[in-house]
Amino acid sequence: MANRYFVCALIFLLKITPAAFAQTVTVDTYFNHETRKTRTGAERFHYLWTDKTDPGFSKWGEWFTDAGFKLDTLGETPTVAKLKNTAVYIIVDPDTKRKLLALT
């Protein structure tokens, strides 16, 4: 329940953020790199700005852009230099050895 209040507060803050202060929101695809098999190989899915099948992140991305933020994705090891222009860095459900073993 507390998470819902946090998300609502975050959305409120994003809505009142002046466009002059808007920066980049980057979602991680390095620590969370989920793929699924397709007929032609594999594809990335889940926790992507463009994934409309699970509308949480595509919708969240719309809210960020409506508030004046730019969206980005980082699929490499995060470093200070790579995150230099990022105001918010989102890591969701990072893949761990324990989690990966459970999936196999």
PDB file of N, CA and C in Angstrom:
ATOM      1  N   MET A   1       0.818  -1.188   0.000  1.00  0.00           N
ATOM      2  CA  MET A   1       0.000   0.000   0.000  1.00  0.00           C
ATOM      3  C   MET A   1       0.863   1.254   0.000  1.00  0.00           C
ATOM      4  N   ALA A   2       1.980   1.213   0.750  1.00  0.00           N
ATOM      5  CA  ALA A   2       2.874   2.365   0.814  1.00  0.00           C
ATOM      6  C   ALA A   2       3.467   2.666  -0.566  1.00  0.00           C
ATOM      7  N   ASN A   3       3.706   1.611  -1.353  1.00  0.00           N
ATOM      8  CA  ASN A   3       4.260   1.817  -2.696  1.00  0.00           C
ATOM      9  C   ASN A   3       3.301   2.628  -3.568  1.00  0.00           C
ATOM     10  N   ARG A   4       2.015   2.392  -3.428  1.00  0.00           N
ATOM     11  CA  ARG A   4       1.027   3.142  -4.216  1.00  0.00           C
ATOM     12  C   ARG A   4       1.083   4.630  -3.879  1.00  0.00           C
ATOM     13  N   TYR A   5       1.211   4.927  -2.575  1.00  0.00           N
ATOM     14  CA  TYR A   5       1.306   6.324  -2.167  1.00  0.00           C
ATOM     15  C   TYR A   5       2.577   6.961  -2.704  1.00  0.00           C
ATOM     16  N   PHE A   6       3.677   6.203  -2.702  1.00  0.00           N
ATOM     17  CA  PHE A   6       4.940   6.712  -3.229  1.00  0.00           C
ATOM     18  C   PHE A   6       4.809   7.026  -4.711  1.00  0.00           C
ATOM     19  N   VAL A   7       4.220   6.111  -5.479  1.00  0.00           N
ATOM     20  CA  VAL A   7       4.054   6.324  -6.919  1.00  0.00           C
ATOM     21  C   VAL A   7       3.147   7.524  -7.172  1.00  0.00           C
ATOM     22  N   CYS A   8       2.071   7.639  -6.422  1.00  0.00           N
ATOM     23  CA  CYS A   8       1.169   8.791  -6.591  1.00  0.00           C
ATOM     24  C   CYS A   8       1.890  10.099  -6.270  1.00  0.00           C
ATOM     25  N   ALA A   9       2.706  10.101  -5.202  1.00  0.00           N
ATOM     26  CA  ALA A   9       3.463  11.299  -4.850  1.00  0.00           C
ATOM     27  C   ALA A   9       4.474  11.637  -5.937  1.00  0.00           C
ATOM     28  N   LEU A  10       5.114  10.610  -6.493  1.00  0.00           N
ATOM     29  CA  LEU A  10       6.086  10.825  -7.567  1.00  0.00           C
ATOM     30  C   LEU A  10       5.406  11.428  -8.791  1.00  0.00           C
ATOM     31  N   ILE A  11       4.254  10.894  -9.160  1.00  0.00           N
ATOM     32  CA  ILE A  11       3.518  11.419 -10.315  1.00  0.00           C
ATOM     33  C   ILE A  11       3.118  12.872 -10.063  1.00  0.00           C
ATOM     34  N   PHE A  12       2.660  13.164  -8.866  1.00  0.00           N
ATOM     35  CA  PHE A  12       2.295  14.543  -8.526  1.00  0.00           C
ATOM     36  C   PHE A  12       3.491  15.470  -8.683  1.00  0.00           C
ATOM     37  N   LEU A  13       4.642  15.053  -8.159  1.00  0.00           N
ATOM     38  CA  LEU A  13       5.841  15.880  -8.264  1.00  0.00           C
ATOM     39  C   LEU A  13       6.249  16.077  -9.713  1.00  0.00           C
ATOM     40  N   LEU A  14       6.088  15.034 -10.526  1.00  0.00           N
ATOM     41  CA  LEU A  14       6.433  15.163 -11.935  1.00  0.00           C
ATOM     42  C   LEU A  14       5.514  16.145 -12.640  1.00  0.00           C
ATOM     43  N   LYS A  15       4.256  16.143 -12.256  1.00  0.00           N
ATOM     44  CA  LYS A  15       3.296  17.046 -12.896  1.00  0.00           C
ATOM     45  C   LYS A  15       3.572  18.516 -12.562  1.00  0.00           C
ATOM     46  N   ILE A  16       4.143  18.783 -11.394  1.00  0.00           N
ATOM     47  CA  ILE A  16       4.390  20.174 -11.029  1.00  0.00           C
ATOM     48  C   ILE A  16       5.817  20.611 -11.346  1.00  0.00           C
ATOM     49  N   THR A  17       6.651  19.707 -11.869  1.00  0.00           N
ATOM     50  CA  THR A  17       8.029  20.064 -12.211  1.00  0.00           C
ATOM     51  C   THR A  17       8.029  20.983 -13.424  1.00  0.00           C
ATOM     52  N   PRO A  18       8.591  22.154 -13.318  1.00  0.00           N
ATOM     53  CA  PRO A  18       8.649  23.049 -14.483  1.00  0.00           C
ATOM     54  C   PRO A  18       9.486  22.440 -15.591  1.00  0.00           C
ATOM     55  N   ALA A  19       9.089  22.679 -16.825  1.00  0.00           N
ATOM     56  CA  ALA A  19       9.801  22.127 -17.968  1.00  0.00           C
ATOM     57  C   ALA A  19      11.254  22.569 -18.005  1.00  0.00           C
ATOM     58  N   ALA A  20      11.548  23.730 -17.450  1.00  0.00           N
ATOM     59  CA  ALA A  20      12.922  24.233 -17.452  1.00  0.00           C
ATOM     60  C   ALA A  20      13.855  23.329 -16.653  1.00  0.00           C
ATOM     61  N   PHE A  21      13.308  22.611 -15.678  1.00  0.00           N
ATOM     62  CA  PHE A  21      14.128  21.736 -14.851  1.00  0.00           C
ATOM     63  C   PHE A  21      14.086  20.287 -15.324  1.00  0.00           C
ATOM     64  N   ALA A  22      13.297  20.007 -16.312  1.00  0.00           N
ATOM     65  CA  ALA A  22      13.128  18.636 -16.782  1.00  0.00           C
ATOM     66  C   ALA A  22      14.427  18.104 -17.365  1.00  0.00           C
ATOM     67  N   GLN A  23      14.694  16.853 -17.063  1.00  0.00           N
ATOM     68  CA  GLN A  23      15.899  16.216 -17.554  1.00  0.00           C
ATOM     69  C   GLN A  23      15.549  14.837 -18.084  1.00  0.00           C
ATOM     70  N   THR A  24      16.489  13.917 -17.981  1.00  0.00           N
ATOM     71  CA  THR A  24      16.311  12.589 -18.558  1.00  0.00           C
ATOM     72  C   THR A  24      16.012  11.549 -17.483  1.00  0.00           C
ATOM     73  N   VAL A  25      15.053  10.684 -17.789  1.00  0.00           N
ATOM     74  CA  VAL A  25      14.743   9.530 -16.956  1.00  0.00           C
ATOM     75  C   VAL A  25      15.241   8.308 -17.714  1.00  0.00           C
ATOM     76  N   THR A  26      16.134   7.551 -17.096  1.00  0.00           N
ATOM     77  CA  THR A  26      16.742   6.390 -17.744  1.00  0.00           C
ATOM     78  C   THR A  26      16.297   5.124 -17.040  1.00  0.00           C
ATOM     79  N   VAL A  27      15.839   4.161 -17.826  1.00  0.00           N
ATOM     80  CA  VAL A  27      15.470   2.857 -17.269  1.00  0.00           C
ATOM     81  C   VAL A  27      16.615   1.883 -17.571  1.00  0.00           C
ATOM     82  N   ASP A  28      16.914   1.050 -16.590  1.00  0.00           N
ATOM     83  CA  ASP A  28      18.002   0.085 -16.691  1.00  0.00           C
ATOM     84  C   ASP A  28      17.581  -1.148 -17.477  1.00  0.00           C
ATOM     85  N   THR A  29      18.437  -1.587 -18.389  1.00  0.00           N
ATOM     86  CA  THR A  29      18.245  -2.895 -19.027  1.00  0.00           C
ATOM     87  C   THR A  29      19.517  -3.723 -18.908  1.00  0.00           C
ATOM     88  N   TYR A  30      20.414  -3.284 -18.035  1.00  0.00           N
ATOM     89  CA  TYR A  30      21.645  -4.040 -17.773  1.00  0.00           C
ATOM     90  C   TYR A  30      21.412  -5.033 -16.641  1.00  0.00           C
ATOM     91  N   PHE A  31      20.915  -4.566 -15.509  1.00  0.00           N
ATOM     92  CA  PHE A  31      20.657  -5.445 -14.378  1.00  0.00           C
ATOM     93  C   PHE A  31      19.377  -6.238 -14.570  1.00  0.00           C
ATOM     94  N   ASN A  32      18.459  -5.733 -15.364  1.00  0.00           N
ATOM     95  CA  ASN A  32      17.238  -6.455 -15.678  1.00  0.00           C
ATOM     96  C   ASN A  32      17.163  -6.580 -17.195  1.00  0.00           C
ATOM     97  N   HIS A  33      17.580  -7.723 -17.676  1.00  0.00           N
ATOM     98  CA  HIS A  33      17.645  -7.955 -19.118  1.00  0.00           C
ATOM     99  C   HIS A  33      16.809  -9.198 -19.432  1.00  0.00           C
ATOM    100  N   GLU A  34      15.511  -9.021 -19.464  1.00  0.00           N
ATOM    101  CA  GLU A  34      14.619 -10.151 -19.677  1.00  0.00           C
ATOM    102  C   GLU A  34      14.339 -10.337 -21.162  1.00  0.00           C
ATOM    103  N   THR A  35      14.445 -11.579 -21.609  1.00  0.00           N
ATOM    104  CA  THR A  35      14.170 -11.923 -23.002  1.00  0.00           C
ATOM    105  C   THR A  35      13.198 -13.092 -23.038  1.00  0.00           C
ATOM    106  N   ARG A  36      12.558 -13.231 -24.162  1.00  0.00           N
ATOM    107  CA  ARG A  36      11.690 -14.398 -24.380  1.00  0.00           C
ATOM    108  C   ARG A  36      11.952 -14.926 -25.780  1.00  0.00           C
ATOM    109  N   LYS A  37      11.706 -16.206 -25.943  1.00  0.00           N
ATOM    110  CA  LYS A  37      11.940 -16.844 -27.236  1.00  0.00           C
ATOM    111  C   LYS A  37      10.853 -16.442 -28.219  1.00  0.00           C
ATOM    112  N   THR A  38      11.272 -16.230 -29.456  1.00  0.00           N
ATOM    113  CA  THR A  38      10.345 -15.949 -30.545  1.00  0.00           C
ATOM    114  C   THR A  38      10.669 -16.910 -31.690  1.00  0.00           C
ATOM    115  N   ARG A  39       9.897 -16.844 -32.738  1.00  0.00           N
ATOM    116  CA  ARG A  39      10.163 -17.702 -33.898  1.00  0.00           C
ATOM    117  C   ARG A  39      11.506 -17.393 -34.542  1.00  0.00           C
ATOM    118  N   THR A  40      11.920 -16.144 -34.441  1.00  0.00           N
ATOM    119  CA  THR A  40      13.167 -15.723 -35.091  1.00  0.00           C
ATOM    120  C   THR A  40      14.345 -15.615 -34.126  1.00  0.00           C
ATOM    121  N   GLY A  41      14.167 -16.003 -32.892  1.00  0.00           N
ATOM    122  CA  GLY A  41      15.267 -15.936 -31.923  1.00  0.00           C
ATOM    123  C   GLY A  41      14.765 -15.529 -30.557  1.00  0.00           C
ATOM    124  N   ALA A  42      15.133 -14.339 -30.138  1.00  0.00           N
ATOM    125  CA  ALA A  42      14.716 -13.833 -28.831  1.00  0.00           C
ATOM    126  C   ALA A  42      14.450 -12.339 -28.933  1.00  0.00           C
ATOM    127  N   GLU A  43      13.599 -11.848 -28.018  1.00  0.00           N
ATOM    128  CA  GLU A  43      13.312 -10.422 -27.989  1.00  0.00           C
ATOM    129  C   GLU A  43      13.294  -9.944 -26.551  1.00  0.00           C
ATOM    130  N   ARG A  44      13.649  -8.691 -26.371  1.00  0.00           N
ATOM    131  CA  ARG A  44      13.587  -8.053 -25.059  1.00  0.00           C
ATOM    132  C   ARG A  44      12.122  -7.763 -24.742  1.00  0.00           C
ATOM    133  N   PHE A  45      11.770  -7.860 -23.488  1.00  0.00           N
ATOM    134  CA  PHE A  45      10.420  -7.487 -23.066  1.00  0.00           C
ATOM    135  C   PHE A  45      10.446  -7.108 -21.592  1.00  0.00           C
ATOM    136  N   HIS A  46       9.392  -6.517 -21.123  1.00  0.00           N
ATOM    137  CA  HIS A  46       9.195  -6.227 -19.710  1.00  0.00           C
ATOM    138  C   HIS A  46      10.063  -5.060 -19.245  1.00  0.00           C
ATOM    139  N   TYR A  47       9.443  -4.081 -18.651  1.00  0.00           N
ATOM    140  CA  TYR A  47      10.104  -2.892 -18.127  1.00  0.00           C
ATOM    141  C   TYR A  47      10.812  -2.083 -19.207  1.00  0.00           C
ATOM    142  N   LEU A  48      10.165  -1.924 -20.336  1.00  0.00           N
ATOM    143  CA  LEU A  48      10.691  -1.118 -21.435  1.00  0.00           C
ATOM    144  C   LEU A  48       9.723   0.026 -21.698  1.00  0.00           C
ATOM    145  N   TRP A  49      10.254   1.174 -22.071  1.00  0.00           N
ATOM    146  CA  TRP A  49       9.395   2.325 -22.383  1.00  0.00           C
ATOM    147  C   TRP A  49       8.444   2.003 -23.532  1.00  0.00           C
ATOM    148  N   THR A  50       8.871   1.169 -24.469  1.00  0.00           N
ATOM    149  CA  THR A  50       8.090   0.908 -25.685  1.00  0.00           C
ATOM    150  C   THR A  50       7.170  -0.296 -25.588  1.00  0.00           C
ATOM    151  N   ASP A  51       7.249  -1.067 -24.518  1.00  0.00           N
ATOM    152  CA  ASP A  51       6.460  -2.287 -24.402  1.00  0.00           C
ATOM    153  C   ASP A  51       5.024  -1.949 -24.029  1.00  0.00           C
ATOM    154  N   LYS A  52       4.135  -2.082 -25.001  1.00  0.00           N
ATOM    155  CA  LYS A  52       2.718  -1.752 -24.784  1.00  0.00           C
ATOM    156  C   LYS A  52       1.922  -2.960 -24.278  1.00  0.00           C
ATOM    157  N   THR A  53       2.528  -4.173 -24.314  1.00  0.00           N
ATOM    158  CA  THR A  53       1.789  -5.344 -23.860  1.00  0.00           C
ATOM    159  C   THR A  53       1.624  -5.345 -22.351  1.00  0.00           C
ATOM    160  N   ASP A  54       2.534  -4.746 -21.636  1.00  0.00           N
ATOM    161  CA  ASP A  54       2.416  -4.551 -20.194  1.00  0.00           C
ATOM    162  C   ASP A  54       2.497  -3.041 -20.006  1.00  0.00           C
ATOM    163  N   PRO A  55       1.364  -2.353 -20.062  1.00  0.00           N
ATOM    164  CA  PRO A  55       1.365  -0.907 -20.249  1.00  0.00           C
ATOM    165  C   PRO A  55       1.938  -0.083 -19.097  1.00  0.00           C
ATOM    166  N   GLY A  56       2.349  -0.706 -18.028  1.00  0.00           N
ATOM    167  CA  GLY A  56       2.879   0.063 -16.916  1.00  0.00           C
ATOM    168  C   GLY A  56       4.009   0.999 -17.304  1.00  0.00           C
ATOM    169  N   PHE A  57       5.028   0.493 -17.994  1.00  0.00           N
ATOM    170  CA  PHE A  57       6.168   1.338 -18.310  1.00  0.00           C
ATOM    171  C   PHE A  57       5.913   2.242 -19.505  1.00  0.00           C
ATOM    172  N   SER A  58       5.156   1.787 -20.482  1.00  0.00           N
ATOM    173  CA  SER A  58       4.851   2.686 -21.599  1.00  0.00           C
ATOM    174  C   SER A  58       3.985   3.843 -21.099  1.00  0.00           C
ATOM    175  N   LYS A  59       3.075   3.554 -20.195  1.00  0.00           N
ATOM    176  CA  LYS A  59       2.227   4.604 -19.625  1.00  0.00           C
ATOM    177  C   LYS A  59       3.051   5.531 -18.746  1.00  0.00           C
ATOM    178  N   TRP A  60       3.933   4.962 -17.946  1.00  0.00           N
ATOM    179  CA  TRP A  60       4.803   5.752 -17.093  1.00  0.00           C
ATOM    180  C   TRP A  60       5.681   6.667 -17.953  1.00  0.00           C
ATOM    181  N   GLY A  61       6.173   6.119 -19.062  1.00  0.00           N
ATOM    182  CA  GLY A  61       6.969   6.912 -19.993  1.00  0.00           C
ATOM    183  C   GLY A  61       6.189   8.097 -20.541  1.00  0.00           C
ATOM    184  N   GLU A  62       4.904   7.874 -20.838  1.00  0.00           N
ATOM    185  CA  GLU A  62       4.053   8.968 -21.313  1.00  0.00           C
ATOM    186  C   GLU A  62       3.935  10.062 -20.247  1.00  0.00           C
ATOM    187  N   TRP A  63       3.783   9.654 -18.995  1.00  0.00           N
ATOM    188  CA  TRP A  63       3.683  10.634 -17.908  1.00  0.00           C
ATOM    189  C   TRP A  63       4.971  11.444 -17.793  1.00  0.00           C
ATOM    190  N   PHE A  64       6.101  10.748 -17.898  1.00  0.00           N
ATOM    191  CA  PHE A  64       7.382  11.458 -17.825  1.00  0.00           C
ATOM    192  C   PHE A  64       7.514  12.463 -18.974  1.00  0.00           C
ATOM    193  N   THR A  65       7.218  12.024 -20.195  1.00  0.00           N
ATOM    194  CA  THR A  65       7.368  12.935 -21.341  1.00  0.00           C
ATOM    195  C   THR A  65       6.356  14.074 -21.277  1.00  0.00           C
ATOM    196  N   ASP A  66       5.149  13.801 -20.807  1.00  0.00           N
ATOM    197  CA  ASP A  66       4.163  14.871 -20.636  1.00  0.00           C
ATOM    198  C   ASP A  66       4.661  15.929 -19.652  1.00  0.00           C
ATOM    199  N   ALA A  67       5.472  15.505 -18.679  1.00  0.00           N
ATOM    200  CA  ALA A  67       6.022  16.429 -17.686  1.00  0.00           C
ATOM    201  C   ALA A  67       7.290  17.112 -18.199  1.00  0.00           C
ATOM    202  N   GLY A  68       7.704  16.783 -19.443  1.00  0.00           N
ATOM    203  CA  GLY A  68       8.860  17.445 -20.030  1.00  0.00           C
ATOM    204  C   GLY A  68      10.164  16.684 -19.950  1.00  0.00           C
ATOM    205  N   PHE A  69      10.122  15.464 -19.414  1.00  0.00           N
ATOM    206  CA  PHE A  69      11.333  14.669 -19.311  1.00  0.00           C
ATOM    207  C   PHE A  69      11.635  13.972 -20.639  1.00  0.00           C
ATOM    208  N   LYS A  70      12.894  13.645 -20.844  1.00  0.00           N
ATOM    209  CA  LYS A  70      13.313  12.808 -21.962  1.00  0.00           C
ATOM    210  C   LYS A  70      13.465  11.398 -21.419  1.00  0.00           C
ATOM    211  N   LEU A  71      13.217  10.399 -22.271  1.00  0.00           N
ATOM    212  CA  LEU A  71      13.358   9.006 -21.871  1.00  0.00           C
ATOM    213  C   LEU A  71      14.623   8.420 -22.474  1.00  0.00           C
ATOM    214  N   ASP A  72      15.274   7.547 -21.725  1.00  0.00           N
ATOM    215  CA  ASP A  72      16.463   6.867 -22.216  1.00  0.00           C
ATOM    216  C   ASP A  72      16.505   5.478 -21.606  1.00  0.00           C
ATOM    217  N   THR A  73      17.331   4.626 -22.177  1.00  0.00           N
ATOM    218  CA  THR A  73      17.531   3.268 -21.693  1.00  0.00           C
ATOM    219  C   THR A  73      19.026   3.011 -21.649  1.00  0.00           C
ATOM    220  N   LEU A  74      19.488   2.366 -20.584  1.00  0.00           N
ATOM    221  CA  LEU A  74      20.903   2.043 -20.461  1.00  0.00           C
ATOM    222  C   LEU A  74      21.049   0.536 -20.342  1.00  0.00           C
ATOM    223  N   GLY A  75      21.668  -0.075 -21.355  1.00  0.00           N
ATOM    224  CA  GLY A  75      21.869  -1.514 -21.377  1.00  0.00           C
ATOM    225  C   GLY A  75      23.293  -1.928 -21.087  1.00  0.00           C
ATOM    226  N   GLU A  76      24.099  -0.986 -20.644  1.00  0.00           N
ATOM    227  CA  GLU A  76      25.498  -1.258 -20.316  1.00  0.00           C
ATOM    228  C   GLU A  76      25.712  -1.056 -18.819  1.00  0.00           C
ATOM    229  N   THR A  77      26.884  -1.448 -18.339  1.00  0.00           N
ATOM    230  CA  THR A  77      27.216  -1.216 -16.939  1.00  0.00           C
ATOM    231  C   THR A  77      27.089   0.279 -16.639  1.00  0.00           C
ATOM    232  N   PRO A  78      26.279   0.633 -15.648  1.00  0.00           N
ATOM    233  CA  PRO A  78      26.119   2.049 -15.338  1.00  0.00           C
ATOM    234  C   PRO A  78      27.398   2.619 -14.705  1.00  0.00           C
ATOM    235  N   THR A  79      27.782   3.781 -15.177  1.00  0.00           N
ATOM    236  CA  THR A  79      28.915   4.513 -14.602  1.00  0.00           C
ATOM    237  C   THR A  79      28.488   5.963 -14.436  1.00  0.00           C
ATOM    238  N   VAL A  80      29.270   6.701 -13.687  1.00  0.00           N
ATOM    239  CA  VAL A  80      28.967   8.118 -13.498  1.00  0.00           C
ATOM    240  C   VAL A  80      28.942   8.828 -14.848  1.00  0.00           C
ATOM    241  N   ALA A  81      29.894   8.492 -15.701  1.00  0.00           N
ATOM    242  CA  ALA A  81      29.967   9.147 -17.018  1.00  0.00           C
ATOM    243  C   ALA A  81      28.735   8.832 -17.867  1.00  0.00           C
ATOM    244  N   LYS A  82      28.287   7.576 -17.849  1.00  0.00           N
ATOM    245  CA  LYS A  82      27.128   7.186 -18.660  1.00  0.00           C
ATOM    246  C   LYS A  82      25.819   7.768 -18.124  1.00  0.00           C
ATOM    247  N   LEU A  83      25.789   8.066 -16.832  1.00  0.00           N
ATOM    248  CA  LEU A  83      24.579   8.620 -16.218  1.00  0.00           C
ATOM    249  C   LEU A  83      24.669  10.128 -16.016  1.00  0.00           C
ATOM    250  N   LYS A  84      25.664  10.744 -16.627  1.00  0.00           N
ATOM    251  CA  LYS A  84      25.917  12.178 -16.445  1.00  0.00           C
ATOM    252  C   LYS A  84      24.683  13.028 -16.734  1.00  0.00           C
ATOM    253  N   ASN A  85      23.941  12.723 -17.759  1.00  0.00           N
ATOM    254  CA  ASN A  85      22.777  13.522 -18.148  1.00  0.00           C
ATOM    255  C   ASN A  85      21.463  12.941 -17.649  1.00  0.00           C
ATOM    256  N   THR A  86      21.535  11.992 -16.737  1.00  0.00           N
ATOM    257  CA  THR A  86      20.345  11.333 -16.207  1.00  0.00           C
ATOM    258  C   THR A  86      19.979  11.922 -14.849  1.00  0.00           C
ATOM    259  N   ALA A  87      18.735  12.353 -14.718  1.00  0.00           N
ATOM    260  CA  ALA A  87      18.241  12.873 -13.440  1.00  0.00           C
ATOM    261  C   ALA A  87      17.666  11.746 -12.582  1.00  0.00           C
ATOM    262  N   VAL A  88      17.031  10.760 -13.235  1.00  0.00           N
ATOM    263  CA  VAL A  88      16.417   9.637 -12.534  1.00  0.00           C
ATOM    264  C   VAL A  88      16.859   8.356 -13.224  1.00  0.00           C
ATOM    265  N   TYR A  89      17.390   7.406 -12.453  1.00  0.00           N
ATOM    266  CA  TYR A  89      17.821   6.104 -12.987  1.00  0.00           C
ATOM    267  C   TYR A  89      16.983   5.035 -12.315  1.00  0.00           C
ATOM    268  N   ILE A  90      16.230   4.280 -13.098  1.00  0.00           N
ATOM    269  CA  ILE A  90      15.292   3.289 -12.570  1.00  0.00           C
ATOM    270  C   ILE A  90      15.833   1.885 -12.810  1.00  0.00           C
ATOM    271  N   ILE A  91      16.039   1.144 -11.719  1.00  0.00           N
ATOM    272  CA  ILE A  91      16.399  -0.275 -11.802  1.00  0.00           C
ATOM    273  C   ILE A  91      15.221  -1.038 -11.212  1.00  0.00           C
ATOM    274  N   VAL A  92      14.603  -1.887 -12.027  1.00  0.00           N
ATOM    275  CA  VAL A  92      13.425  -2.635 -11.590  1.00  0.00           C
ATOM    276  C   VAL A  92      13.735  -4.117 -11.573  1.00  0.00           C
ATOM    277  N   ASP A  93      13.430  -4.767 -10.466  1.00  0.00           N
ATOM    278  CA  ASP A  93      13.514  -6.222 -10.377  1.00  0.00           C
ATOM    279  C   ASP A  93      14.816  -6.754 -10.982  1.00  0.00           C
ATOM    280  N   PRO A  94      15.969  -6.391 -10.417  1.00  0.00           N
ATOM    281  CA  PRO A  94      17.234  -6.814 -11.018  1.00  0.00           C
ATOM    282  C   PRO A  94      17.369  -8.334 -11.055  1.00  0.00           C
ATOM    283  N   ASP A  95      17.961  -8.817 -12.139  1.00  0.00           N
ATOM    284  CA  ASP A  95      18.209 -10.247 -12.271  1.00  0.00           C
ATOM    285  C   ASP A  95      19.338 -10.637 -11.321  1.00  0.00           C
ATOM    286  N   THR A  96      19.097 -11.665 -10.533  1.00  0.00           N
ATOM    287  CA  THR A  96      20.104 -12.165  -9.621  1.00  0.00           C
ATOM    288  C   THR A  96      20.375 -13.629  -9.944  1.00  0.00           C
ATOM    289  N   LYS A  97      21.487 -14.155  -9.444  1.00  0.00           N
ATOM    290  CA  LYS A  97      21.782 -15.573  -9.694  1.00  0.00           C
ATOM    291  C   LYS A  97      20.648 -16.443  -9.167  1.00  0.00           C
ATOM    292  N   ARG A  98      20.119 -16.125  -8.003  1.00  0.00           N
ATOM    293  CA  ARG A  98      19.035 -16.909  -7.424  1.00  0.00           C
ATOM    294  C   ARG A  98      17.794 -16.876  -8.322  1.00  0.00           C
ATOM    295  N   LYS A  99      17.450 -15.695  -8.807  1.00  0.00           N
ATOM    296  CA  LYS A  99      16.294 -15.548  -9.679  1.00  0.00           C
ATOM    297  C   LYS A  99      16.499 -16.308 -10.995  1.00  0.00           C
ATOM    298  N   LEU A 100      17.690 -16.170 -11.578  1.00  0.00           N
ATOM    299  CA  LEU A 100      17.975 -16.840 -12.845  1.00  0.00           C
ATOM    300  C   LEU A 100      17.940 -18.356 -12.686  1.00  0.00           C
ATOM    301  N   LEU A 101      18.420 -18.877 -11.573  1.00  0.00           N
ATOM    302  CA  LEU A 101      18.375 -20.323 -11.332  1.00  0.00           C
ATOM    303  C   LEU A 101      16.928 -20.806 -11.200  1.00  0.00           C
ATOM    304  N   ALA A 102      16.071 -19.999 -10.610  1.00  0.00           N
ATOM    305  CA  ALA A 102      14.662 -20.370 -10.460  1.00  0.00           C
ATOM    306  C   ALA A 102      13.940 -20.443 -11.790  1.00  0.00           C
ATOM    307  N   LEU A 103      14.432 -19.672 -12.784  1.00  0.00           N
ATOM    308  CA  LEU A 103      13.784 -19.655 -14.095  1.00  0.00           C
ATOM    309  C   LEU A 103      14.226 -20.815 -14.978  1.00  0.00           C
ATOM    310  N   THR A 104      15.304 -21.484 -14.623  1.00  0.00           N
ATOM    311  CA  THR A 104      15.811 -22.575 -15.470  1.00  0.00           C
ATOM    312  C   THR A 104      15.317 -23.924 -15.016  1.00  0.00           C
TER     313      THR A 104
END
